[in-house]
Amino acid sequence: MDRDAAIDDMLAKDALRDLAMRYCRAIDRRDPDLLASVYHDDAIDDHGVIFCDKAATFIAKQGEIMAPFALTAHYICNMSWRLDGDRADGELYFLAYHRVEQPAVRHLLATGRYLDNYKRRGSAWKIVHRRLVWDSFITLDAAPADMAQLAALGVAGGTSDDRSYTALPLMGRGQ
């Protein structure tokens, strides 16, 4: 591969990495505009039995899907992509933490992989089809002392009113 092609591949992979990070931020902050920015308009999102339909419908249903969770934190671990011109395939390993508070506080931890097909249209890489593979699911009861310690630490993470919106103005809602 020549230098220019290698640089193009690096730039494409950096754009795909940014896309993955924006997805996590959008889901955890309940930010539908940011979430819409990672999918092409005709994209499909297949979360298995949780959801399988147009990504636009997935975005519209986020309030309903995320309602049971007081907090979520999505992490992307291993990432690999294969590029072919304006198309790419990617496998991204994820770790997703969810806290539910009703009827009792519990920690839910899911791991799996996003199997993504991407297209670059114009200059923008976006998801055209996302499929999930679920690898593990763990439920843990939260000790009252742990929740008290979390509260004692001060400002805790959150959803649409997260402190990041005021502390990081360049990363505002929808961006």
N, C-alpha and C. Protein backbone atom coordinates (compact mmCIF):
# COMPACT_ATOMS: atom_id res chain seq x y z
N MET A 1 0.86 -1.17 0.00
CA MET A 1 0.00 0.00 0.00
C MET A 1 0.90 1.23 0.00
N ASP A 2 0.58 2.19 -0.86
CA ASP A 2 1.40 3.40 -0.91
C ASP A 2 1.02 4.35 0.21
N ARG A 3 1.83 5.35 0.40
CA ARG A 3 1.66 6.29 1.51
C ARG A 3 0.30 6.99 1.49
N ASP A 4 -0.12 7.47 0.32
CA ASP A 4 -1.41 8.17 0.24
C ASP A 4 -2.58 7.25 0.60
N ALA A 5 -2.53 6.00 0.13
CA ALA A 5 -3.58 5.03 0.45
C ALA A 5 -3.57 4.72 1.95
N ALA A 6 -2.37 4.60 2.53
CA ALA A 6 -2.26 4.32 3.97
C ALA A 6 -2.83 5.48 4.78
N ILE A 7 -2.57 6.70 4.36
CA ILE A 7 -3.11 7.89 5.06
C ILE A 7 -4.63 7.92 4.92
N ASP A 8 -5.15 7.62 3.73
CA ASP A 8 -6.60 7.57 3.54
C ASP A 8 -7.24 6.54 4.46
N ASP A 9 -6.61 5.35 4.58
CA ASP A 9 -7.13 4.32 5.48
C ASP A 9 -7.11 4.79 6.93
N MET A 10 -6.03 5.44 7.34
CA MET A 10 -5.93 5.94 8.72
C MET A 10 -7.02 6.98 8.98
N LEU A 11 -7.26 7.87 8.03
CA LEU A 11 -8.30 8.89 8.21
C LEU A 11 -9.69 8.25 8.27
N ALA A 12 -9.93 7.24 7.44
CA ALA A 12 -11.22 6.55 7.47
C ALA A 12 -11.41 5.85 8.81
N LYS A 13 -10.39 5.16 9.29
CA LYS A 13 -10.50 4.45 10.57
C LYS A 13 -10.65 5.43 11.73
N ASP A 14 -10.04 6.59 11.64
CA ASP A 14 -10.23 7.60 12.68
C ASP A 14 -11.68 8.11 12.67
N ALA A 15 -12.24 8.30 11.49
CA ALA A 15 -13.65 8.72 11.39
C ALA A 15 -14.57 7.64 11.95
N LEU A 16 -14.27 6.37 11.70
CA LEU A 16 -15.08 5.27 12.23
C LEU A 16 -14.94 5.17 13.74
N ARG A 17 -13.77 5.41 14.25
CA ARG A 17 -13.55 5.42 15.71
C ARG A 17 -14.37 6.55 16.35
N ASP A 18 -14.35 7.73 15.74
CA ASP A 18 -15.13 8.86 16.24
C ASP A 18 -16.63 8.52 16.21
N LEU A 19 -17.07 7.85 15.17
CA LEU A 19 -18.46 7.43 15.06
C LEU A 19 -18.84 6.53 16.23
N ALA A 20 -17.97 5.58 16.57
CA ALA A 20 -18.23 4.67 17.69
C ALA A 20 -18.34 5.42 19.01
N MET A 21 -17.48 6.40 19.21
CA MET A 21 -17.51 7.18 20.46
C MET A 21 -18.75 8.06 20.53
N ARG A 22 -19.15 8.63 19.38
CA ARG A 22 -20.37 9.45 19.36
C ARG A 22 -21.60 8.61 19.67
N TYR A 23 -21.62 7.37 19.19
CA TYR A 23 -22.74 6.48 19.49
C TYR A 23 -22.86 6.28 21.01
N CYS A 24 -21.75 5.98 21.66
CA CYS A 24 -21.78 5.76 23.12
C CYS A 24 -22.27 7.01 23.85
N ARG A 25 -21.72 8.15 23.48
CA ARG A 25 -22.13 9.40 24.13
C ARG A 25 -23.62 9.67 23.90
N ALA A 26 -24.08 9.45 22.69
CA ALA A 26 -25.48 9.70 22.36
C ALA A 26 -26.42 8.81 23.17
N ILE A 27 -26.09 7.52 23.27
CA ILE A 27 -26.93 6.59 24.02
C ILE A 27 -26.94 6.97 25.50
N ASP A 28 -25.76 7.23 26.06
CA ASP A 28 -25.67 7.49 27.50
C ASP A 28 -26.23 8.85 27.89
N ARG A 29 -26.23 9.81 27.00
CA ARG A 29 -26.76 11.15 27.30
C ARG A 29 -28.19 11.33 26.81
N ARG A 30 -28.75 10.27 26.21
CA ARG A 30 -30.13 10.33 25.68
C ARG A 30 -30.25 11.50 24.71
N ASP A 31 -29.32 11.57 23.77
CA ASP A 31 -29.22 12.68 22.83
C ASP A 31 -29.62 12.20 21.42
N PRO A 32 -30.90 12.35 21.05
CA PRO A 32 -31.35 11.81 19.76
C PRO A 32 -30.69 12.45 18.55
N ASP A 33 -30.37 13.74 18.62
CA ASP A 33 -29.71 14.39 17.48
C ASP A 33 -28.32 13.82 17.25
N LEU A 34 -27.58 13.61 18.33
CA LEU A 34 -26.25 13.02 18.21
C LEU A 34 -26.37 11.57 17.72
N LEU A 35 -27.35 10.84 18.23
CA LEU A 35 -27.54 9.46 17.80
C LEU A 35 -27.86 9.41 16.31
N ALA A 36 -28.67 10.31 15.84
CA ALA A 36 -29.01 10.35 14.41
C ALA A 36 -27.77 10.60 13.55
N SER A 37 -26.79 11.27 14.10
CA SER A 37 -25.59 11.61 13.32
C SER A 37 -24.70 10.41 13.02
N VAL A 38 -24.94 9.27 13.65
CA VAL A 38 -24.09 8.11 13.40
C VAL A 38 -24.68 7.14 12.38
N TYR A 39 -25.94 7.34 12.01
CA TYR A 39 -26.62 6.46 11.07
C TYR A 39 -26.96 7.20 9.78
N HIS A 40 -26.86 6.52 8.65
CA HIS A 40 -27.43 7.06 7.41
C HIS A 40 -28.94 6.97 7.53
N ASP A 41 -29.64 7.81 6.78
CA ASP A 41 -31.11 7.89 6.89
C ASP A 41 -31.80 6.56 6.61
N ASP A 42 -31.22 5.71 5.78
CA ASP A 42 -31.84 4.44 5.43
C ASP A 42 -31.27 3.26 6.23
N ALA A 43 -30.58 3.54 7.32
CA ALA A 43 -29.90 2.50 8.10
C ALA A 43 -30.88 1.60 8.85
N ILE A 44 -30.38 0.40 9.17
CA ILE A 44 -31.11 -0.58 9.97
C ILE A 44 -30.33 -0.83 11.25
N ASP A 45 -31.03 -0.93 12.37
CA ASP A 45 -30.40 -1.29 13.64
C ASP A 45 -31.07 -2.57 14.15
N ASP A 46 -30.24 -3.58 14.37
CA ASP A 46 -30.73 -4.88 14.82
C ASP A 46 -30.11 -5.20 16.17
N HIS A 47 -30.85 -4.90 17.24
CA HIS A 47 -30.43 -5.19 18.61
C HIS A 47 -31.02 -6.53 19.07
N GLY A 48 -31.36 -7.40 18.14
CA GLY A 48 -31.95 -8.69 18.49
C GLY A 48 -33.39 -8.52 18.94
N VAL A 49 -33.79 -9.22 20.00
CA VAL A 49 -35.18 -9.16 20.45
C VAL A 49 -35.56 -7.80 21.03
N ILE A 50 -34.56 -7.00 21.39
CA ILE A 50 -34.84 -5.67 21.95
C ILE A 50 -35.41 -4.76 20.87
N PHE A 51 -34.81 -4.82 19.66
CA PHE A 51 -35.23 -3.92 18.59
C PHE A 51 -34.61 -4.39 17.28
N CYS A 52 -35.40 -4.38 16.21
CA CYS A 52 -34.88 -4.63 14.87
C CYS A 52 -35.77 -3.90 13.88
N ASP A 53 -35.26 -2.78 13.34
CA ASP A 53 -36.05 -1.96 12.43
C ASP A 53 -35.14 -0.85 11.89
N LYS A 54 -35.76 0.14 11.31
CA LYS A 54 -35.01 1.28 10.81
C LYS A 54 -34.35 2.02 11.97
N ALA A 55 -33.15 2.51 11.74
CA ALA A 55 -32.44 3.24 12.79
C ALA A 55 -33.24 4.47 13.23
N ALA A 56 -33.95 5.10 12.30
CA ALA A 56 -34.76 6.27 12.66
C ALA A 56 -35.82 5.89 13.71
N THR A 57 -36.38 4.71 13.60
CA THR A 57 -37.35 4.25 14.59
C THR A 57 -36.66 3.95 15.91
N PHE A 58 -35.46 3.34 15.85
CA PHE A 58 -34.66 3.08 17.05
C PHE A 58 -34.39 4.39 17.79
N ILE A 59 -34.04 5.43 17.05
CA ILE A 59 -33.76 6.74 17.65
C ILE A 59 -35.03 7.30 18.28
N ALA A 60 -36.15 7.21 17.57
CA ALA A 60 -37.42 7.74 18.08
C ALA A 60 -37.88 7.02 19.34
N LYS A 61 -37.52 5.74 19.49
CA LYS A 61 -37.95 4.94 20.64
C LYS A 61 -36.95 4.97 21.79
N GLN A 62 -35.91 5.77 21.71
CA GLN A 62 -34.89 5.77 22.76
C GLN A 62 -35.47 6.10 24.13
N GLY A 63 -36.38 7.05 24.21
CA GLY A 63 -36.98 7.37 25.50
C GLY A 63 -37.63 6.16 26.13
N GLU A 64 -38.35 5.40 25.35
CA GLU A 64 -39.03 4.20 25.82
C GLU A 64 -38.02 3.08 26.16
N ILE A 65 -37.05 2.88 25.29
CA ILE A 65 -36.07 1.82 25.49
C ILE A 65 -35.22 2.08 26.73
N MET A 66 -34.84 3.34 26.94
CA MET A 66 -33.93 3.68 28.03
C MET A 66 -34.65 4.04 29.33
N ALA A 67 -35.97 4.15 29.32
CA ALA A 67 -36.73 4.56 30.51
C ALA A 67 -36.43 3.75 31.77
N PRO A 68 -36.22 2.44 31.68
CA PRO A 68 -35.97 1.68 32.92
C PRO A 68 -34.62 1.97 33.58
N PHE A 69 -33.73 2.65 32.86
CA PHE A 69 -32.36 2.81 33.35
C PHE A 69 -32.11 4.20 33.92
N ALA A 70 -31.66 4.25 35.17
CA ALA A 70 -31.29 5.53 35.78
C ALA A 70 -29.98 6.04 35.18
N LEU A 71 -29.14 5.12 34.75
CA LEU A 71 -27.83 5.48 34.22
C LEU A 71 -27.35 4.37 33.30
N THR A 72 -26.69 4.76 32.23
CA THR A 72 -26.00 3.78 31.38
C THR A 72 -24.61 4.30 31.07
N ALA A 73 -23.71 3.38 30.82
CA ALA A 73 -22.35 3.73 30.40
C ALA A 73 -21.90 2.66 29.41
N HIS A 74 -21.73 3.08 28.16
CA HIS A 74 -21.32 2.17 27.10
C HIS A 74 -19.84 2.39 26.80
N TYR A 75 -19.11 1.30 26.67
CA TYR A 75 -17.67 1.35 26.41
C TYR A 75 -17.36 0.50 25.19
N ILE A 76 -16.54 1.02 24.32
CA ILE A 76 -16.05 0.25 23.17
C ILE A 76 -14.64 -0.20 23.52
N CYS A 77 -14.40 -1.48 23.36
CA CYS A 77 -13.09 -2.07 23.71
C CYS A 77 -12.29 -2.31 22.43
N ASN A 78 -12.27 -3.51 21.95
CA ASN A 78 -11.54 -3.83 20.72
C ASN A 78 -12.31 -3.33 19.51
N MET A 79 -11.59 -2.81 18.53
CA MET A 79 -12.21 -2.33 17.31
C MET A 79 -11.37 -2.80 16.13
N SER A 80 -12.03 -3.36 15.13
CA SER A 80 -11.31 -3.67 13.90
C SER A 80 -12.23 -3.39 12.71
N TRP A 81 -11.62 -2.86 11.67
CA TRP A 81 -12.35 -2.50 10.46
C TRP A 81 -11.62 -3.02 9.23
N ARG A 82 -12.39 -3.30 8.20
CA ARG A 82 -11.86 -3.60 6.87
C ARG A 82 -12.51 -2.61 5.91
N LEU A 83 -11.69 -1.98 5.11
CA LEU A 83 -12.14 -0.92 4.21
C LEU A 83 -12.09 -1.39 2.76
N ASP A 84 -13.07 -0.93 1.99
CA ASP A 84 -13.10 -1.18 0.55
C ASP A 84 -13.72 0.04 -0.11
N GLY A 85 -12.87 1.01 -0.45
CA GLY A 85 -13.38 2.24 -1.05
C GLY A 85 -14.27 3.00 -0.08
N ASP A 86 -15.52 3.18 -0.47
CA ASP A 86 -16.48 3.91 0.36
C ASP A 86 -17.34 2.98 1.22
N ARG A 87 -16.90 1.74 1.38
CA ARG A 87 -17.58 0.78 2.23
C ARG A 87 -16.62 0.29 3.30
N ALA A 88 -17.17 -0.08 4.44
CA ALA A 88 -16.34 -0.66 5.50
C ALA A 88 -17.20 -1.60 6.33
N ASP A 89 -16.55 -2.61 6.88
CA ASP A 89 -17.16 -3.50 7.85
C ASP A 89 -16.37 -3.37 9.14
N GLY A 90 -17.07 -3.43 10.26
CA GLY A 90 -16.38 -3.31 11.54
C GLY A 90 -16.97 -4.23 12.59
N GLU A 91 -16.09 -4.73 13.46
CA GLU A 91 -16.50 -5.50 14.62
C GLU A 91 -15.98 -4.77 15.84
N LEU A 92 -16.90 -4.30 16.68
CA LEU A 92 -16.55 -3.52 17.87
C LEU A 92 -17.06 -4.26 19.10
N TYR A 93 -16.15 -4.61 19.99
CA TYR A 93 -16.54 -5.26 21.24
C TYR A 93 -17.04 -4.17 22.20
N PHE A 94 -18.15 -4.43 22.87
CA PHE A 94 -18.69 -3.44 23.81
C PHE A 94 -18.91 -4.04 25.19
N LEU A 95 -18.90 -3.14 26.15
CA LEU A 95 -19.26 -3.42 27.53
C LEU A 95 -20.29 -2.35 27.87
N ALA A 96 -21.47 -2.75 28.29
CA ALA A 96 -22.54 -1.78 28.56
C ALA A 96 -23.06 -1.97 29.99
N TYR A 97 -22.91 -0.92 30.79
CA TYR A 97 -23.39 -0.91 32.17
C TYR A 97 -24.74 -0.20 32.20
N HIS A 98 -25.69 -0.77 32.94
CA HIS A 98 -27.01 -0.17 33.12
C HIS A 98 -27.37 -0.26 34.60
N ARG A 99 -27.86 0.84 35.17
CA ARG A 99 -28.33 0.80 36.55
C ARG A 99 -29.84 0.99 36.55
N VAL A 100 -30.52 0.06 37.18
CA VAL A 100 -31.96 0.19 37.39
C VAL A 100 -32.18 0.46 38.87
N GLU A 101 -33.23 1.24 39.18
CA GLU A 101 -33.48 1.58 40.58
C GLU A 101 -34.82 1.09 41.08
N GLN A 102 -35.64 0.53 40.21
CA GLN A 102 -36.95 0.02 40.61
C GLN A 102 -37.09 -1.42 40.15
N PRO A 103 -37.54 -2.32 40.94
CA PRO A 103 -38.01 -2.14 42.31
C PRO A 103 -36.87 -2.01 43.32
N ALA A 104 -35.65 -2.41 42.95
CA ALA A 104 -34.49 -2.26 43.83
C ALA A 104 -33.30 -1.90 42.93
N VAL A 105 -32.30 -1.29 43.52
CA VAL A 105 -31.13 -0.89 42.74
C VAL A 105 -30.35 -2.15 42.34
N ARG A 106 -30.12 -2.25 41.03
CA ARG A 106 -29.34 -3.37 40.48
C ARG A 106 -28.39 -2.83 39.42
N HIS A 107 -27.29 -3.53 39.28
CA HIS A 107 -26.32 -3.22 38.23
C HIS A 107 -26.44 -4.32 37.18
N LEU A 108 -26.60 -3.91 35.93
CA LEU A 108 -26.66 -4.85 34.82
C LEU A 108 -25.44 -4.61 33.94
N LEU A 109 -24.77 -5.66 33.57
CA LEU A 109 -23.60 -5.55 32.73
C LEU A 109 -23.75 -6.51 31.56
N ALA A 110 -23.75 -5.94 30.36
CA ALA A 110 -23.85 -6.75 29.15
C ALA A 110 -22.58 -6.56 28.34
N THR A 111 -22.13 -7.63 27.72
CA THR A 111 -21.00 -7.54 26.79
C THR A 111 -21.43 -8.15 25.48
N GLY A 112 -20.79 -7.69 24.43
CA GLY A 112 -21.10 -8.23 23.12
C GLY A 112 -20.30 -7.52 22.05
N ARG A 113 -20.82 -7.63 20.83
CA ARG A 113 -20.13 -7.03 19.70
C ARG A 113 -21.12 -6.35 18.78
N TYR A 114 -20.75 -5.18 18.29
CA TYR A 114 -21.48 -4.52 17.22
C TYR A 114 -20.86 -4.99 15.91
N LEU A 115 -21.67 -5.55 15.04
CA LEU A 115 -21.23 -5.96 13.71
C LEU A 115 -21.80 -4.93 12.75
N ASP A 116 -20.96 -4.02 12.31
CA ASP A 116 -21.41 -2.85 11.56
C ASP A 116 -20.99 -2.87 10.11
N ASN A 117 -21.90 -2.43 9.25
CA ASN A 117 -21.58 -2.11 7.86
C ASN A 117 -21.70 -0.60 7.75
N TYR A 118 -20.70 0.01 7.14
CA TYR A 118 -20.64 1.46 7.01
C TYR A 118 -20.55 1.83 5.53
N LYS A 119 -20.99 3.05 5.25
CA LYS A 119 -20.75 3.64 3.93
C LYS A 119 -20.31 5.08 4.14
N ARG A 120 -19.43 5.50 3.24
CA ARG A 120 -19.05 6.92 3.19
C ARG A 120 -19.86 7.52 2.06
N ARG A 121 -20.69 8.48 2.41
CA ARG A 121 -21.48 9.21 1.43
C ARG A 121 -21.06 10.66 1.54
N GLY A 122 -20.63 11.23 0.43
CA GLY A 122 -19.98 12.53 0.50
C GLY A 122 -18.68 12.32 1.26
N SER A 123 -18.51 13.04 2.32
CA SER A 123 -17.30 12.87 3.13
C SER A 123 -17.61 12.21 4.47
N ALA A 124 -18.87 11.79 4.68
CA ALA A 124 -19.28 11.30 6.00
C ALA A 124 -19.44 9.79 6.03
N TRP A 125 -18.69 9.16 6.94
CA TRP A 125 -18.87 7.75 7.24
C TRP A 125 -20.01 7.61 8.24
N LYS A 126 -20.94 6.70 7.97
CA LYS A 126 -22.03 6.42 8.91
C LYS A 126 -22.41 4.94 8.80
N ILE A 127 -23.13 4.50 9.82
CA ILE A 127 -23.62 3.12 9.85
C ILE A 127 -24.78 2.96 8.88
N VAL A 128 -24.76 1.87 8.09
CA VAL A 128 -25.91 1.52 7.26
C VAL A 128 -26.63 0.30 7.81
N HIS A 129 -25.91 -0.54 8.56
CA HIS A 129 -26.55 -1.71 9.18
C HIS A 129 -25.75 -2.10 10.42
N ARG A 130 -26.41 -2.14 11.55
CA ARG A 130 -25.78 -2.57 12.80
C ARG A 130 -26.51 -3.81 13.29
N ARG A 131 -25.73 -4.85 13.61
CA ARG A 131 -26.25 -6.07 14.21
C ARG A 131 -25.50 -6.30 15.51
N LEU A 132 -26.21 -6.75 16.53
CA LEU A 132 -25.56 -7.04 17.81
C LEU A 132 -25.42 -8.53 18.03
N VAL A 133 -24.31 -8.90 18.63
CA VAL A 133 -24.09 -10.24 19.16
C VAL A 133 -23.95 -10.05 20.66
N TRP A 134 -24.78 -10.73 21.43
CA TRP A 134 -24.74 -10.62 22.89
C TRP A 134 -23.86 -11.76 23.42
N ASP A 135 -22.80 -11.44 24.13
CA ASP A 135 -21.88 -12.46 24.64
C ASP A 135 -22.09 -12.79 26.11
N SER A 136 -22.50 -11.82 26.93
CA SER A 136 -22.75 -12.12 28.34
C SER A 136 -23.69 -11.08 28.94
N PHE A 137 -24.33 -11.48 30.04
CA PHE A 137 -25.23 -10.59 30.77
C PHE A 137 -25.13 -10.95 32.24
N ILE A 138 -24.88 -9.96 33.07
CA ILE A 138 -24.69 -10.17 34.51
C ILE A 138 -25.59 -9.19 35.26
N THR A 139 -26.28 -9.66 36.28
CA THR A 139 -27.08 -8.81 37.16
C THR A 139 -26.50 -8.89 38.57
N LEU A 140 -26.27 -7.74 39.18
CA LEU A 140 -25.76 -7.67 40.55
C LEU A 140 -26.63 -6.75 41.38
N ASP A 141 -26.93 -7.14 42.61
CA ASP A 141 -27.63 -6.26 43.53
C ASP A 141 -26.65 -5.17 43.99
N ALA A 142 -27.17 -3.96 44.17
CA ALA A 142 -26.34 -2.86 44.65
C ALA A 142 -26.46 -2.76 46.16
N ALA A 143 -25.34 -2.73 46.82
CA ALA A 143 -25.34 -2.58 48.28
C ALA A 143 -25.72 -1.14 48.63
N PRO A 144 -26.60 -0.93 49.61
CA PRO A 144 -26.96 0.43 50.01
C PRO A 144 -25.73 1.29 50.33
N ALA A 145 -24.71 0.69 50.93
CA ALA A 145 -23.50 1.45 51.26
C ALA A 145 -22.79 1.94 50.00
N ASP A 146 -22.85 1.14 48.93
CA ASP A 146 -22.23 1.57 47.68
C ASP A 146 -22.94 2.79 47.11
N MET A 147 -24.26 2.78 47.15
CA MET A 147 -25.03 3.91 46.63
C MET A 147 -24.82 5.15 47.49
N ALA A 148 -24.69 4.97 48.80
CA ALA A 148 -24.40 6.09 49.70
C ALA A 148 -23.02 6.66 49.39
N GLN A 149 -22.05 5.79 49.13
CA GLN A 149 -20.70 6.25 48.79
C GLN A 149 -20.73 7.02 47.48
N LEU A 150 -21.47 6.55 46.50
CA LEU A 150 -21.59 7.24 45.23
C LEU A 150 -22.15 8.64 45.45
N ALA A 151 -23.20 8.76 46.25
CA ALA A 151 -23.79 10.07 46.54
C ALA A 151 -22.80 10.96 47.28
N ALA A 152 -22.00 10.39 48.19
CA ALA A 152 -21.03 11.17 48.96
C ALA A 152 -19.90 11.71 48.11
N LEU A 153 -19.64 11.10 46.96
CA LEU A 153 -18.56 11.56 46.09
C LEU A 153 -18.89 12.87 45.40
N GLY A 154 -20.15 13.24 45.37
CA GLY A 154 -20.52 14.52 44.77
C GLY A 154 -21.25 14.32 43.46
N VAL A 155 -20.84 15.08 42.46
CA VAL A 155 -21.52 15.07 41.17
C VAL A 155 -21.39 13.70 40.52
N ALA A 156 -22.52 13.08 40.28
CA ALA A 156 -22.53 11.75 39.66
C ALA A 156 -22.89 11.89 38.19
N GLY A 157 -22.56 10.88 37.42
CA GLY A 157 -22.91 10.86 36.00
C GLY A 157 -24.41 10.81 35.83
N GLY A 158 -24.83 11.14 34.65
CA GLY A 158 -26.27 11.15 34.42
C GLY A 158 -26.62 10.98 32.98
N THR A 159 -27.78 11.42 32.67
CA THR A 159 -28.31 11.21 31.33
C THR A 159 -28.36 12.55 30.59
N SER A 160 -29.53 13.04 30.27
CA SER A 160 -29.64 14.24 29.45
C SER A 160 -29.23 15.51 30.18
N ASP A 161 -29.12 15.47 31.50
CA ASP A 161 -28.69 16.65 32.26
C ASP A 161 -27.26 16.49 32.79
N ASP A 162 -26.48 15.64 32.15
CA ASP A 162 -25.12 15.35 32.60
C ASP A 162 -24.27 16.61 32.68
N ARG A 163 -23.40 16.63 33.66
CA ARG A 163 -22.50 17.76 33.88
C ARG A 163 -21.62 18.07 32.67
N SER A 164 -21.38 17.08 31.82
CA SER A 164 -20.52 17.29 30.66
C SER A 164 -21.03 18.40 29.75
N TYR A 165 -22.34 18.64 29.72
CA TYR A 165 -22.87 19.69 28.83
C TYR A 165 -22.45 21.08 29.26
N THR A 166 -22.29 21.30 30.55
CA THR A 166 -21.82 22.62 30.99
C THR A 166 -20.30 22.68 31.08
N ALA A 167 -19.66 21.57 31.43
CA ALA A 167 -18.21 21.57 31.58
C ALA A 167 -17.47 21.51 30.26
N LEU A 168 -18.10 20.96 29.25
CA LEU A 168 -17.46 20.77 27.92
C LEU A 168 -18.32 21.41 26.84
N PRO A 169 -18.31 22.75 26.76
CA PRO A 169 -19.22 23.42 25.82
C PRO A 169 -18.99 23.05 24.35
N LEU A 170 -17.79 22.63 23.98
CA LEU A 170 -17.55 22.25 22.60
C LEU A 170 -18.18 20.90 22.27
N MET A 171 -18.60 20.17 23.29
CA MET A 171 -19.24 18.86 23.09
C MET A 171 -20.71 18.93 23.48
N GLY A 172 -21.37 19.99 23.12
CA GLY A 172 -22.76 20.21 23.50
C GLY A 172 -23.71 19.18 22.91
N ARG A 173 -24.96 19.33 23.24
CA ARG A 173 -26.00 18.42 22.79
C ARG A 173 -26.01 18.36 21.26
N GLY A 174 -26.13 17.15 20.74
CA GLY A 174 -26.21 16.95 19.31
C GLY A 174 -24.89 17.05 18.57
N GLN A 175 -23.78 17.17 19.31
CA GLN A 175 -22.48 17.36 18.64
C GLN A 175 -21.54 16.22 18.91
